[in-house]
Amino acid sequence: MAKVHKVTLEEIETLIAKGMTREEAEFALIDKYDEVVFPDETDDINDKLKEQKKIAHVYDKKKGPRKVERKPNDTKRAIIAELEKAFGSYENFAIVNKEREISFNLNGKNYSITITEHRAKK
């Protein structure tokens, strides 16, 4: 696959300064490189890339978010219930997530406890 060379205005101006016309300079660059993109053509390429990205983005939106229903974890719920018995009398006690986290105030400071179930080691 041939590498695409993006020609700069400076390259064209250098060749024009050597006595070539713009058209001759462009043909000289075409002869020198396999594929050439001139500065006025890059806008078209950028527009095509933007359009392709827009199409890809729309496709992803149509697919929609993936929603997975999790099975309730009774063990974690039981642990949270025990923590509620122990810390329920504390100021501003709240169950933030019924399977994961509680929060409360003690001596004017905020605390939270998060339950994490680790995976079995292989």
PDB file of N, CA and C in Angstrom:
ATOM      1  N   MET A   1       0.842  -1.177   0.000  1.00  0.00           N
ATOM      2  CA  MET A   1       0.000   0.000   0.000  1.00  0.00           C
ATOM      3  C   MET A   1       0.884   1.236   0.000  1.00  0.00           C
ATOM      4  N   ALA A   2       0.595   2.146  -0.872  1.00  0.00           N
ATOM      5  CA  ALA A   2       1.398   3.352  -1.027  1.00  0.00           C
ATOM      6  C   ALA A   2       1.094   4.342   0.083  1.00  0.00           C
ATOM      7  N   LYS A   3       2.142   5.003   0.533  1.00  0.00           N
ATOM      8  CA  LYS A   3       1.982   6.009   1.572  1.00  0.00           C
ATOM      9  C   LYS A   3       1.510   7.304   0.924  1.00  0.00           C
ATOM     10  N   VAL A   4       0.543   7.943   1.549  1.00  0.00           N
ATOM     11  CA  VAL A   4       0.003   9.199   1.027  1.00  0.00           C
ATOM     12  C   VAL A   4       0.841  10.343   1.564  1.00  0.00           C
ATOM     13  N   HIS A   5       1.308  11.203   0.661  1.00  0.00           N
ATOM     14  CA  HIS A   5       2.095  12.372   1.058  1.00  0.00           C
ATOM     15  C   HIS A   5       1.208  13.610   1.004  1.00  0.00           C
ATOM     16  N   LYS A   6       1.142  14.322   2.109  1.00  0.00           N
ATOM     17  CA  LYS A   6       0.374  15.567   2.146  1.00  0.00           C
ATOM     18  C   LYS A   6       1.319  16.710   1.808  1.00  0.00           C
ATOM     19  N   VAL A   7       1.061  17.321   0.683  1.00  0.00           N
ATOM     20  CA  VAL A   7       1.906  18.401   0.195  1.00  0.00           C
ATOM     21  C   VAL A   7       1.574  19.676   0.965  1.00  0.00           C
ATOM     22  N   THR A   8       2.627  20.399   1.352  1.00  0.00           N
ATOM     23  CA  THR A   8       2.418  21.677   2.031  1.00  0.00           C
ATOM     24  C   THR A   8       2.564  22.808   1.024  1.00  0.00           C
ATOM     25  N   LEU A   9       2.028  23.955   1.397  1.00  0.00           N
ATOM     26  CA  LEU A   9       2.165  25.124   0.524  1.00  0.00           C
ATOM     27  C   LEU A   9       3.630  25.518   0.365  1.00  0.00           C
ATOM     28  N   GLU A  10       4.430  25.283   1.410  1.00  0.00           N
ATOM     29  CA  GLU A  10       5.858  25.618   1.345  1.00  0.00           C
ATOM     30  C   GLU A  10       6.576  24.812   0.258  1.00  0.00           C
ATOM     31  N   GLU A  11       6.205  23.512   0.126  1.00  0.00           N
ATOM     32  CA  GLU A  11       6.808  22.684  -0.920  1.00  0.00           C
ATOM     33  C   GLU A  11       6.482  23.234  -2.302  1.00  0.00           C
ATOM     34  N   ILE A  12       5.227  23.601  -2.496  1.00  0.00           N
ATOM     35  CA  ILE A  12       4.815  24.145  -3.796  1.00  0.00           C
ATOM     36  C   ILE A  12       5.516  25.470  -4.052  1.00  0.00           C
ATOM     37  N   GLU A  13       5.588  26.334  -3.046  1.00  0.00           N
ATOM     38  CA  GLU A  13       6.234  27.643  -3.208  1.00  0.00           C
ATOM     39  C   GLU A  13       7.720  27.500  -3.490  1.00  0.00           C
ATOM     40  N   THR A  14       8.368  26.490  -2.892  1.00  0.00           N
ATOM     41  CA  THR A  14       9.791  26.250  -3.152  1.00  0.00           C
ATOM     42  C   THR A  14      10.012  25.887  -4.619  1.00  0.00           C
ATOM     43  N   LEU A  15       9.152  25.022  -5.151  1.00  0.00           N
ATOM     44  CA  LEU A  15       9.288  24.632  -6.557  1.00  0.00           C
ATOM     45  C   LEU A  15       8.966  25.810  -7.488  1.00  0.00           C
ATOM     46  N   ILE A  16       7.976  26.627  -7.113  1.00  0.00           N
ATOM     47  CA  ILE A  16       7.647  27.806  -7.925  1.00  0.00           C
ATOM     48  C   ILE A  16       8.815  28.786  -7.919  1.00  0.00           C
ATOM     49  N   ALA A  17       9.509  28.905  -6.782  1.00  0.00           N
ATOM     50  CA  ALA A  17      10.666  29.798  -6.677  1.00  0.00           C
ATOM     51  C   ALA A  17      11.809  29.314  -7.568  1.00  0.00           C
ATOM     52  N   LYS A  18      11.860  28.037  -7.878  1.00  0.00           N
ATOM     53  CA  LYS A  18      12.888  27.496  -8.762  1.00  0.00           C
ATOM     54  C   LYS A  18      12.557  27.728 -10.232  1.00  0.00           C
ATOM     55  N   GLY A  19      11.403  28.370 -10.497  1.00  0.00           N
ATOM     56  CA  GLY A  19      11.070  28.729 -11.864  1.00  0.00           C
ATOM     57  C   GLY A  19       9.958  27.899 -12.487  1.00  0.00           C
ATOM     58  N   MET A  20       9.289  27.067 -11.704  1.00  0.00           N
ATOM     59  CA  MET A  20       8.194  26.258 -12.250  1.00  0.00           C
ATOM     60  C   MET A  20       6.862  26.997 -12.061  1.00  0.00           C
ATOM     61  N   THR A  21       5.904  26.625 -12.886  1.00  0.00           N
ATOM     62  CA  THR A  21       4.557  27.132 -12.666  1.00  0.00           C
ATOM     63  C   THR A  21       3.916  26.242 -11.596  1.00  0.00           C
ATOM     64  N   ARG A  22       2.772  26.651 -11.080  1.00  0.00           N
ATOM     65  CA  ARG A  22       2.103  25.838 -10.048  1.00  0.00           C
ATOM     66  C   ARG A  22       1.750  24.457 -10.592  1.00  0.00           C
ATOM     67  N   GLU A  23       1.274  24.438 -11.838  1.00  0.00           N
ATOM     68  CA  GLU A  23       0.894  23.165 -12.445  1.00  0.00           C
ATOM     69  C   GLU A  23       2.104  22.249 -12.596  1.00  0.00           C
ATOM     70  N   GLU A  24       3.246  22.799 -13.033  1.00  0.00           N
ATOM     71  CA  GLU A  24       4.470  22.001 -13.168  1.00  0.00           C
ATOM     72  C   GLU A  24       4.936  21.505 -11.803  1.00  0.00           C
ATOM     73  N   ALA A  25       4.810  22.344 -10.788  1.00  0.00           N
ATOM     74  CA  ALA A  25       5.215  21.950  -9.439  1.00  0.00           C
ATOM     75  C   ALA A  25       4.353  20.778  -8.940  1.00  0.00           C
ATOM     76  N   GLU A  26       3.049  20.848  -9.215  1.00  0.00           N
ATOM     77  CA  GLU A  26       2.159  19.769  -8.789  1.00  0.00           C
ATOM     78  C   GLU A  26       2.503  18.468  -9.511  1.00  0.00           C
ATOM     79  N   PHE A  27       2.774  18.546 -10.832  1.00  0.00           N
ATOM     80  CA  PHE A  27       3.147  17.341 -11.577  1.00  0.00           C
ATOM     81  C   PHE A  27       4.475  16.774 -11.085  1.00  0.00           C
ATOM     82  N   ALA A  28       5.407  17.640 -10.715  1.00  0.00           N
ATOM     83  CA  ALA A  28       6.703  17.186 -10.205  1.00  0.00           C
ATOM     84  C   ALA A  28       6.510  16.427  -8.887  1.00  0.00           C
ATOM     85  N   LEU A  29       5.615  16.934  -8.024  1.00  0.00           N
ATOM     86  CA  LEU A  29       5.348  16.253  -6.754  1.00  0.00           C
ATOM     87  C   LEU A  29       4.623  14.928  -6.978  1.00  0.00           C
ATOM     88  N   ILE A  30       3.744  14.898  -7.975  1.00  0.00           N
ATOM     89  CA  ILE A  30       3.044  13.642  -8.300  1.00  0.00           C
ATOM     90  C   ILE A  30       4.044  12.603  -8.786  1.00  0.00           C
ATOM     91  N   ASP A  31       5.031  13.030  -9.585  1.00  0.00           N
ATOM     92  CA  ASP A  31       6.051  12.102 -10.064  1.00  0.00           C
ATOM     93  C   ASP A  31       6.938  11.606  -8.918  1.00  0.00           C
ATOM     94  N   LYS A  32       7.185  12.476  -7.931  1.00  0.00           N
ATOM     95  CA  LYS A  32       8.096  12.154  -6.835  1.00  0.00           C
ATOM     96  C   LYS A  32       7.466  11.164  -5.842  1.00  0.00           C
ATOM     97  N   TYR A  33       6.192  11.314  -5.552  1.00  0.00           N
ATOM     98  CA  TYR A  33       5.519  10.481  -4.546  1.00  0.00           C
ATOM     99  C   TYR A  33       4.460   9.604  -5.211  1.00  0.00           C
ATOM    100  N   ASP A  34       4.164   8.468  -4.579  1.00  0.00           N
ATOM    101  CA  ASP A  34       3.157   7.547  -5.105  1.00  0.00           C
ATOM    102  C   ASP A  34       1.771   8.186  -5.093  1.00  0.00           C
ATOM    103  N   GLU A  35       1.347   8.647  -3.929  1.00  0.00           N
ATOM    104  CA  GLU A  35       0.048   9.304  -3.804  1.00  0.00           C
ATOM    105  C   GLU A  35       0.260  10.657  -3.148  1.00  0.00           C
ATOM    106  N   VAL A  36      -0.405  11.659  -3.685  1.00  0.00           N
ATOM    107  CA  VAL A  36      -0.216  13.028  -3.211  1.00  0.00           C
ATOM    108  C   VAL A  36      -1.569  13.647  -2.902  1.00  0.00           C
ATOM    109  N   VAL A  37      -1.623  14.367  -1.782  1.00  0.00           N
ATOM    110  CA  VAL A  37      -2.815  15.124  -1.421  1.00  0.00           C
ATOM    111  C   VAL A  37      -2.383  16.584  -1.310  1.00  0.00           C
ATOM    112  N   PHE A  38      -2.994  17.422  -2.111  1.00  0.00           N
ATOM    113  CA  PHE A  38      -2.651  18.840  -2.106  1.00  0.00           C
ATOM    114  C   PHE A  38      -3.467  19.575  -1.046  1.00  0.00           C
ATOM    115  N   PRO A  39      -2.961  20.731  -0.571  1.00  0.00           N
ATOM    116  CA  PRO A  39      -3.625  21.447   0.527  1.00  0.00           C
ATOM    117  C   PRO A  39      -5.105  21.743   0.283  1.00  0.00           C
ATOM    118  N   ASP A  40      -5.481  22.069  -0.946  1.00  0.00           N
ATOM    119  CA  ASP A  40      -6.887  22.376  -1.216  1.00  0.00           C
ATOM    120  C   ASP A  40      -7.753  21.122  -1.252  1.00  0.00           C
ATOM    121  N   GLU A  41      -7.140  19.930  -1.342  1.00  0.00           N
ATOM    122  CA  GLU A  41      -7.887  18.681  -1.355  1.00  0.00           C
ATOM    123  C   GLU A  41      -8.105  18.122   0.046  1.00  0.00           C
ATOM    124  N   THR A  42      -7.304  18.545   1.016  1.00  0.00           N
ATOM    125  CA  THR A  42      -7.415  17.982   2.366  1.00  0.00           C
ATOM    126  C   THR A  42      -8.757  18.304   2.994  1.00  0.00           C
ATOM    127  N   ASP A  43      -9.366  19.420   2.623  1.00  0.00           N
ATOM    128  CA  ASP A  43     -10.684  19.753   3.164  1.00  0.00           C
ATOM    129  C   ASP A  43     -11.705  18.694   2.767  1.00  0.00           C
ATOM    130  N   ASP A  44     -11.629  18.233   1.511  1.00  0.00           N
ATOM    131  CA  ASP A  44     -12.554  17.192   1.051  1.00  0.00           C
ATOM    132  C   ASP A  44     -12.341  15.897   1.831  1.00  0.00           C
ATOM    133  N   ILE A  45     -11.079  15.549   2.066  1.00  0.00           N
ATOM    134  CA  ILE A  45     -10.763  14.324   2.808  1.00  0.00           C
ATOM    135  C   ILE A  45     -11.262  14.437   4.242  1.00  0.00           C
ATOM    136  N   ASN A  46     -11.033  15.600   4.871  1.00  0.00           N
ATOM    137  CA  ASN A  46     -11.511  15.798   6.241  1.00  0.00           C
ATOM    138  C   ASN A  46     -13.032  15.714   6.312  1.00  0.00           C
ATOM    139  N   ASP A  47     -13.716  16.256   5.301  1.00  0.00           N
ATOM    140  CA  ASP A  47     -15.177  16.169   5.270  1.00  0.00           C
ATOM    141  C   ASP A  47     -15.639  14.726   5.175  1.00  0.00           C
ATOM    142  N   LYS A  48     -14.947  13.915   4.350  1.00  0.00           N
ATOM    143  CA  LYS A  48     -15.304  12.504   4.220  1.00  0.00           C
ATOM    144  C   LYS A  48     -15.096  11.769   5.541  1.00  0.00           C
ATOM    145  N   LEU A  49     -13.959  12.065   6.224  1.00  0.00           N
ATOM    146  CA  LEU A  49     -13.695  11.419   7.505  1.00  0.00           C
ATOM    147  C   LEU A  49     -14.744  11.802   8.537  1.00  0.00           C
ATOM    148  N   LYS A  50     -15.117  13.071   8.577  1.00  0.00           N
ATOM    149  CA  LYS A  50     -16.144  13.521   9.513  1.00  0.00           C
ATOM    150  C   LYS A  50     -17.471  12.818   9.238  1.00  0.00           C
ATOM    151  N   GLU A  51     -17.806  12.684   7.967  1.00  0.00           N
ATOM    152  CA  GLU A  51     -19.056  12.025   7.599  1.00  0.00           C
ATOM    153  C   GLU A  51     -19.027  10.559   8.026  1.00  0.00           C
ATOM    154  N   GLN A  52     -17.881   9.886   7.841  1.00  0.00           N
ATOM    155  CA  GLN A  52     -17.766   8.492   8.240  1.00  0.00           C
ATOM    156  C   GLN A  52     -17.905   8.346   9.748  1.00  0.00           C
ATOM    157  N   LYS A  53     -17.284   9.256  10.508  1.00  0.00           N
ATOM    158  CA  LYS A  53     -17.398   9.213  11.961  1.00  0.00           C
ATOM    159  C   LYS A  53     -18.843   9.447  12.392  1.00  0.00           C
ATOM    160  N   LYS A  54     -19.528  10.370  11.708  1.00  0.00           N
ATOM    161  CA  LYS A  54     -20.910  10.677  12.048  1.00  0.00           C
ATOM    162  C   LYS A  54     -21.785   9.450  11.820  1.00  0.00           C
ATOM    163  N   ILE A  55     -21.566   8.751  10.715  1.00  0.00           N
ATOM    164  CA  ILE A  55     -22.341   7.546  10.419  1.00  0.00           C
ATOM    165  C   ILE A  55     -22.069   6.485  11.479  1.00  0.00           C
ATOM    166  N   ALA A  56     -20.822   6.300  11.867  1.00  0.00           N
ATOM    167  CA  ALA A  56     -20.470   5.312  12.881  1.00  0.00           C
ATOM    168  C   ALA A  56     -21.114   5.674  14.210  1.00  0.00           C
ATOM    169  N   HIS A  57     -21.127   6.955  14.547  1.00  0.00           N
ATOM    170  CA  HIS A  57     -21.700   7.409  15.812  1.00  0.00           C
ATOM    171  C   HIS A  57     -23.208   7.162  15.838  1.00  0.00           C
ATOM    172  N   VAL A  58     -23.873   7.430  14.745  1.00  0.00           N
ATOM    173  CA  VAL A  58     -25.317   7.204  14.657  1.00  0.00           C
ATOM    174  C   VAL A  58     -25.612   5.719  14.805  1.00  0.00           C
ATOM    175  N   TYR A  59     -24.807   4.882  14.205  1.00  0.00           N
ATOM    176  CA  TYR A  59     -25.007   3.434  14.300  1.00  0.00           C
ATOM    177  C   TYR A  59     -24.911   2.986  15.753  1.00  0.00           C
ATOM    178  N   ASP A  60     -23.908   3.485  16.477  1.00  0.00           N
ATOM    179  CA  ASP A  60     -23.745   3.117  17.879  1.00  0.00           C
ATOM    180  C   ASP A  60     -24.931   3.583  18.717  1.00  0.00           C
ATOM    181  N   LYS A  61     -25.490   4.746  18.393  1.00  0.00           N
ATOM    182  CA  LYS A  61     -26.638   5.254  19.140  1.00  0.00           C
ATOM    183  C   LYS A  61     -27.854   4.371  18.927  1.00  0.00           C
ATOM    184  N   LYS A  62     -28.036   3.864  17.712  1.00  0.00           N
ATOM    185  CA  LYS A  62     -29.192   3.022  17.414  1.00  0.00           C
ATOM    186  C   LYS A  62     -29.146   1.725  18.216  1.00  0.00           C
ATOM    187  N   LYS A  63     -27.942   1.245  18.458  1.00  0.00           N
ATOM    188  CA  LYS A  63     -27.778  -0.003  19.188  1.00  0.00           C
ATOM    189  C   LYS A  63     -28.287   0.149  20.622  1.00  0.00           C
ATOM    190  N   GLY A  64     -28.072   1.299  21.202  1.00  0.00           N
ATOM    191  CA  GLY A  64     -28.595   1.593  22.531  1.00  0.00           C
ATOM    192  C   GLY A  64     -27.729   1.036  23.639  1.00  0.00           C
ATOM    193  N   PRO A  65     -27.977   1.522  24.859  1.00  0.00           N
ATOM    194  CA  PRO A  65     -27.186   1.022  25.985  1.00  0.00           C
ATOM    195  C   PRO A  65     -27.587  -0.407  26.338  1.00  0.00           C
ATOM    196  N   ARG A  66     -26.635  -1.134  26.765  1.00  0.00           N
ATOM    197  CA  ARG A  66     -26.864  -2.525  27.119  1.00  0.00           C
ATOM    198  C   ARG A  66     -27.256  -2.585  28.593  1.00  0.00           C
ATOM    199  N   LYS A  67     -28.395  -3.151  28.880  1.00  0.00           N
ATOM    200  CA  LYS A  67     -28.865  -3.231  30.255  1.00  0.00           C
ATOM    201  C   LYS A  67     -28.865  -4.695  30.685  1.00  0.00           C
ATOM    202  N   VAL A  68     -28.147  -4.963  31.783  1.00  0.00           N
ATOM    203  CA  VAL A  68     -28.035  -6.315  32.288  1.00  0.00           C
ATOM    204  C   VAL A  68     -28.684  -6.362  33.666  1.00  0.00           C
ATOM    205  N   GLU A  69     -29.621  -7.263  33.842  1.00  0.00           N
ATOM    206  CA  GLU A  69     -30.260  -7.436  35.146  1.00  0.00           C
ATOM    207  C   GLU A  69     -29.373  -8.329  36.000  1.00  0.00           C
ATOM    208  N   ARG A  70     -29.019  -7.828  37.184  1.00  0.00           N
ATOM    209  CA  ARG A  70     -28.196  -8.621  38.094  1.00  0.00           C
ATOM    210  C   ARG A  70     -29.083  -9.378  39.069  1.00  0.00           C
ATOM    211  N   LYS A  71     -28.632 -10.568  39.409  1.00  0.00           N
ATOM    212  CA  LYS A  71     -29.351 -11.367  40.391  1.00  0.00           C
ATOM    213  C   LYS A  71     -29.060 -10.777  41.775  1.00  0.00           C
ATOM    214  N   PRO A  72     -30.067 -10.618  42.633  1.00  0.00           N
ATOM    215  CA  PRO A  72     -29.828 -10.057  43.964  1.00  0.00           C
ATOM    216  C   PRO A  72     -28.847 -10.917  44.762  1.00  0.00           C
ATOM    217  N   ASN A  73     -27.955 -10.249  45.498  1.00  0.00           N
ATOM    218  CA  ASN A  73     -26.980 -10.949  46.317  1.00  0.00           C
ATOM    219  C   ASN A  73     -27.505 -10.965  47.752  1.00  0.00           C
ATOM    220  N   ASP A  74     -28.084 -12.074  48.172  1.00  0.00           N
ATOM    221  CA  ASP A  74     -28.703 -12.173  49.494  1.00  0.00           C
ATOM    222  C   ASP A  74     -27.685 -12.072  50.618  1.00  0.00           C
ATOM    223  N   THR A  75     -26.487 -12.568  50.404  1.00  0.00           N
ATOM    224  CA  THR A  75     -25.449 -12.504  51.435  1.00  0.00           C
ATOM    225  C   THR A  75     -25.101 -11.046  51.741  1.00  0.00           C
ATOM    226  N   LYS A  76     -24.890 -10.262  50.724  1.00  0.00           N
ATOM    227  CA  LYS A  76     -24.555  -8.847  50.938  1.00  0.00           C
ATOM    228  C   LYS A  76     -25.716  -8.093  51.571  1.00  0.00           C
ATOM    229  N   ARG A  77     -26.934  -8.438  51.181  1.00  0.00           N
ATOM    230  CA  ARG A  77     -28.110  -7.802  51.790  1.00  0.00           C
ATOM    231  C   ARG A  77     -28.188  -8.141  53.286  1.00  0.00           C
ATOM    232  N   ALA A  78     -27.843  -9.368  53.637  1.00  0.00           N
ATOM    233  CA  ALA A  78     -27.857  -9.776  55.045  1.00  0.00           C
ATOM    234  C   ALA A  78     -26.789  -9.013  55.832  1.00  0.00           C
ATOM    235  N   ILE A  79     -25.623  -8.833  55.237  1.00  0.00           N
ATOM    236  CA  ILE A  79     -24.550  -8.082  55.900  1.00  0.00           C
ATOM    237  C   ILE A  79     -24.985  -6.643  56.126  1.00  0.00           C
ATOM    238  N   ILE A  80     -25.605  -6.020  55.128  1.00  0.00           N
ATOM    239  CA  ILE A  80     -26.093  -4.650  55.261  1.00  0.00           C
ATOM    240  C   ILE A  80     -27.153  -4.579  56.366  1.00  0.00           C
ATOM    241  N   ALA A  81     -28.021  -5.589  56.470  1.00  0.00           N
ATOM    242  CA  ALA A  81     -29.049  -5.611  57.516  1.00  0.00           C
ATOM    243  C   ALA A  81     -28.403  -5.670  58.908  1.00  0.00           C
ATOM    244  N   GLU A  82     -27.346  -6.464  59.052  1.00  0.00           N
ATOM    245  CA  GLU A  82     -26.629  -6.541  60.334  1.00  0.00           C
ATOM    246  C   GLU A  82     -25.945  -5.213  60.657  1.00  0.00           C
ATOM    247  N   LEU A  83     -25.369  -4.595  59.648  1.00  0.00           N
ATOM    248  CA  LEU A  83     -24.737  -3.287  59.869  1.00  0.00           C
ATOM    249  C   LEU A  83     -25.780  -2.245  60.251  1.00  0.00           C
ATOM    250  N   GLU A  84     -26.986  -2.370  59.679  1.00  0.00           N
ATOM    251  CA  GLU A  84     -28.067  -1.443  60.017  1.00  0.00           C
ATOM    252  C   GLU A  84     -28.437  -1.591  61.498  1.00  0.00           C
ATOM    253  N   LYS A  85     -28.445  -2.826  62.007  1.00  0.00           N
ATOM    254  CA  LYS A  85     -28.736  -3.042  63.430  1.00  0.00           C
ATOM    255  C   LYS A  85     -27.653  -2.400  64.300  1.00  0.00           C
ATOM    256  N   ALA A  86     -26.402  -2.535  63.851  1.00  0.00           N
ATOM    257  CA  ALA A  86     -25.289  -2.026  64.646  1.00  0.00           C
ATOM    258  C   ALA A  86     -25.156  -0.502  64.580  1.00  0.00           C
ATOM    259  N   PHE A  87     -25.328   0.076  63.388  1.00  0.00           N
ATOM    260  CA  PHE A  87     -25.095   1.502  63.199  1.00  0.00           C
ATOM    261  C   PHE A  87     -26.372   2.320  63.020  1.00  0.00           C
ATOM    262  N   GLY A  88     -27.538   1.677  63.069  1.00  0.00           N
ATOM    263  CA  GLY A  88     -28.804   2.344  62.790  1.00  0.00           C
ATOM    264  C   GLY A  88     -29.120   3.516  63.699  1.00  0.00           C
ATOM    265  N   SER A  89     -28.593   3.495  64.926  1.00  0.00           N
ATOM    266  CA  SER A  89     -28.891   4.571  65.870  1.00  0.00           C
ATOM    267  C   SER A  89     -27.999   5.801  65.655  1.00  0.00           C
ATOM    268  N   TYR A  90     -27.004   5.697  64.805  1.00  0.00           N
ATOM    269  CA  TYR A  90     -26.098   6.824  64.573  1.00  0.00           C
ATOM    270  C   TYR A  90     -26.805   7.920  63.785  1.00  0.00           C
ATOM    271  N   GLU A  91     -26.301   9.124  63.942  1.00  0.00           N
ATOM    272  CA  GLU A  91     -26.870  10.308  63.280  1.00  0.00           C
ATOM    273  C   GLU A  91     -26.745  10.182  61.758  1.00  0.00           C
ATOM    274  N   ASN A  92     -27.813  10.552  61.043  1.00  0.00           N
ATOM    275  CA  ASN A  92     -27.858  10.533  59.578  1.00  0.00           C
ATOM    276  C   ASN A  92     -27.503   9.176  58.978  1.00  0.00           C
ATOM    277  N   PHE A  93     -27.878   8.094  59.640  1.00  0.00           N
ATOM    278  CA  PHE A  93     -27.626   6.761  59.088  1.00  0.00           C
ATOM    279  C   PHE A  93     -28.450   6.590  57.813  1.00  0.00           C
ATOM    280  N   ALA A  94     -27.828   6.082  56.757  1.00  0.00           N
ATOM    281  CA  ALA A  94     -28.546   5.858  55.501  1.00  0.00           C
ATOM    282  C   ALA A  94     -27.930   4.672  54.774  1.00  0.00           C
ATOM    283  N   ILE A  95     -28.803   3.879  54.163  1.00  0.00           N
ATOM    284  CA  ILE A  95     -28.335   2.807  53.287  1.00  0.00           C
ATOM    285  C   ILE A  95     -28.262   3.413  51.887  1.00  0.00           C
ATOM    286  N   VAL A  96     -27.039   3.644  51.422  1.00  0.00           N
ATOM    287  CA  VAL A  96     -26.833   4.281  50.127  1.00  0.00           C
ATOM    288  C   VAL A  96     -27.169   3.307  49.006  1.00  0.00           C
ATOM    289  N   ASN A  97     -26.731   2.069  49.142  1.00  0.00           N
ATOM    290  CA  ASN A  97     -27.018   1.016  48.166  1.00  0.00           C
ATOM    291  C   ASN A  97     -27.304  -0.245  48.956  1.00  0.00           C
ATOM    292  N   LYS A  98     -28.461  -0.852  48.763  1.00  0.00           N
ATOM    293  CA  LYS A  98     -28.905  -1.956  49.618  1.00  0.00           C
ATOM    294  C   LYS A  98     -28.024  -3.193  49.557  1.00  0.00           C
ATOM    295  N   GLU A  99     -27.115  -3.267  48.589  1.00  0.00           N
ATOM    296  CA  GLU A  99     -26.191  -4.399  48.524  1.00  0.00           C
ATOM    297  C   GLU A  99     -24.735  -3.966  48.628  1.00  0.00           C
ATOM    298  N   ARG A 100     -24.494  -2.681  48.914  1.00  0.00           N
ATOM    299  CA  ARG A 100     -23.112  -2.252  48.811  1.00  0.00           C
ATOM    300  C   ARG A 100     -22.654  -1.275  49.884  1.00  0.00           C
ATOM    301  N   GLU A 101     -23.411  -0.231  50.226  1.00  0.00           N
ATOM    302  CA  GLU A 101     -22.844   0.854  51.011  1.00  0.00           C
ATOM    303  C   GLU A 101     -23.843   1.441  52.005  1.00  0.00           C
ATOM    304  N   ILE A 102     -23.307   1.808  53.192  1.00  0.00           N
ATOM    305  CA  ILE A 102     -24.073   2.571  54.177  1.00  0.00           C
ATOM    306  C   ILE A 102     -23.270   3.811  54.531  1.00  0.00           C
ATOM    307  N   SER A 103     -23.945   4.839  55.039  1.00  0.00           N
ATOM    308  CA  SER A 103     -23.250   6.043  55.493  1.00  0.00           C
ATOM    309  C   SER A 103     -23.897   6.532  56.777  1.00  0.00           C
ATOM    310  N   PHE A 104     -23.102   7.244  57.608  1.00  0.00           N
ATOM    311  CA  PHE A 104     -23.600   7.771  58.876  1.00  0.00           C
ATOM    312  C   PHE A 104     -22.649   8.855  59.376  1.00  0.00           C
ATOM    313  N   ASN A 105     -23.094   9.593  60.399  1.00  0.00           N
ATOM    314  CA  ASN A 105     -22.275  10.621  61.045  1.00  0.00           C
ATOM    315  C   ASN A 105     -21.934  10.153  62.455  1.00  0.00           C
ATOM    316  N   LEU A 106     -20.716  10.438  62.887  1.00  0.00           N
ATOM    317  CA  LEU A 106     -20.277  10.123  64.240  1.00  0.00           C
ATOM    318  C   LEU A 106     -19.352  11.238  64.703  1.00  0.00           C
ATOM    319  N   ASN A 107     -19.676  11.848  65.802  1.00  0.00           N
ATOM    320  CA  ASN A 107     -18.872  12.952  66.358  1.00  0.00           C
ATOM    321  C   ASN A 107     -18.658  14.063  65.341  1.00  0.00           C
ATOM    322  N   GLY A 108     -19.671  14.372  64.548  1.00  0.00           N
ATOM    323  CA  GLY A 108     -19.593  15.467  63.582  1.00  0.00           C
ATOM    324  C   GLY A 108     -18.831  15.136  62.309  1.00  0.00           C
ATOM    325  N   LYS A 109     -18.440  13.890  62.110  1.00  0.00           N
ATOM    326  CA  LYS A 109     -17.709  13.500  60.900  1.00  0.00           C
ATOM    327  C   LYS A 109     -18.523  12.473  60.122  1.00  0.00           C
ATOM    328  N   ASN A 110     -18.410  12.522  58.799  1.00  0.00           N
ATOM    329  CA  ASN A 110     -19.141  11.600  57.919  1.00  0.00           C
ATOM    330  C   ASN A 110     -18.316  10.344  57.672  1.00  0.00           C
ATOM    331  N   TYR A 111     -18.985   9.195  57.723  1.00  0.00           N
ATOM    332  CA  TYR A 111     -18.346   7.912  57.460  1.00  0.00           C
ATOM    333  C   TYR A 111     -19.209   7.116  56.489  1.00  0.00           C
ATOM    334  N   SER A 112     -18.566   6.190  55.786  1.00  0.00           N
ATOM    335  CA  SER A 112     -19.311   5.257  54.948  1.00  0.00           C
ATOM    336  C   SER A 112     -18.597   3.913  54.992  1.00  0.00           C
ATOM    337  N   ILE A 113     -19.379   2.854  54.843  1.00  0.00           N
ATOM    338  CA  ILE A 113     -18.835   1.501  54.805  1.00  0.00           C
ATOM    339  C   ILE A 113     -19.308   0.869  53.501  1.00  0.00           C
ATOM    340  N   THR A 114     -18.356   0.344  52.754  1.00  0.00           N
ATOM    341  CA  THR A 114     -18.655  -0.282  51.472  1.00  0.00           C
ATOM    342  C   THR A 114     -18.321  -1.765  51.560  1.00  0.00           C
ATOM    343  N   ILE A 115     -19.245  -2.600  51.121  1.00  0.00           N
ATOM    344  CA  ILE A 115     -19.071  -4.053  51.137  1.00  0.00           C
ATOM    345  C   ILE A 115     -18.554  -4.482  49.763  1.00  0.00           C
ATOM    346  N   THR A 116     -17.480  -5.285  49.769  1.00  0.00           N
ATOM    347  CA  THR A 116     -16.921  -5.800  48.524  1.00  0.00           C
ATOM    348  C   THR A 116     -16.795  -7.315  48.619  1.00  0.00           C
ATOM    349  N   GLU A 117     -17.389  -8.013  47.678  1.00  0.00           N
ATOM    350  CA  GLU A 117     -17.252  -9.465  47.616  1.00  0.00           C
ATOM    351  C   GLU A 117     -16.163  -9.765  46.601  1.00  0.00           C
ATOM    352  N   HIS A 118     -15.080 -10.402  47.066  1.00  0.00           N
ATOM    353  CA  HIS A 118     -13.963 -10.695  46.171  1.00  0.00           C
ATOM    354  C   HIS A 118     -14.202 -11.997  45.426  1.00  0.00           C
ATOM    355  N   ARG A 119     -13.666 -12.083  44.248  1.00  0.00           N
ATOM    356  CA  ARG A 119     -13.818 -13.287  43.431  1.00  0.00           C
ATOM    357  C   ARG A 119     -12.954 -14.413  43.994  1.00  0.00           C
ATOM    358  N   ALA A 120     -13.363 -15.635  43.727  1.00  0.00           N
ATOM    359  CA  ALA A 120     -12.603 -16.796  44.180  1.00  0.00           C
ATOM    360  C   ALA A 120     -11.274 -16.848  43.436  1.00  0.00           C
ATOM    361  N   LYS A 121     -10.222 -17.219  44.156  1.00  0.00           N
ATOM    362  CA  LYS A 121      -8.899 -17.330  43.519  1.00  0.00           C
ATOM    363  C   LYS A 121      -8.834 -18.596  42.701  1.00  0.00           C
ATOM    364  N   LYS A 122      -8.152 -18.488  41.574  1.00  0.00           N
ATOM    365  CA  LYS A 122      -8.036 -19.632  40.665  1.00  0.00           C
ATOM    366  C   LYS A 122      -6.939 -20.553  41.091  1.00  0.00           C
TER     367      LYS A 122
END
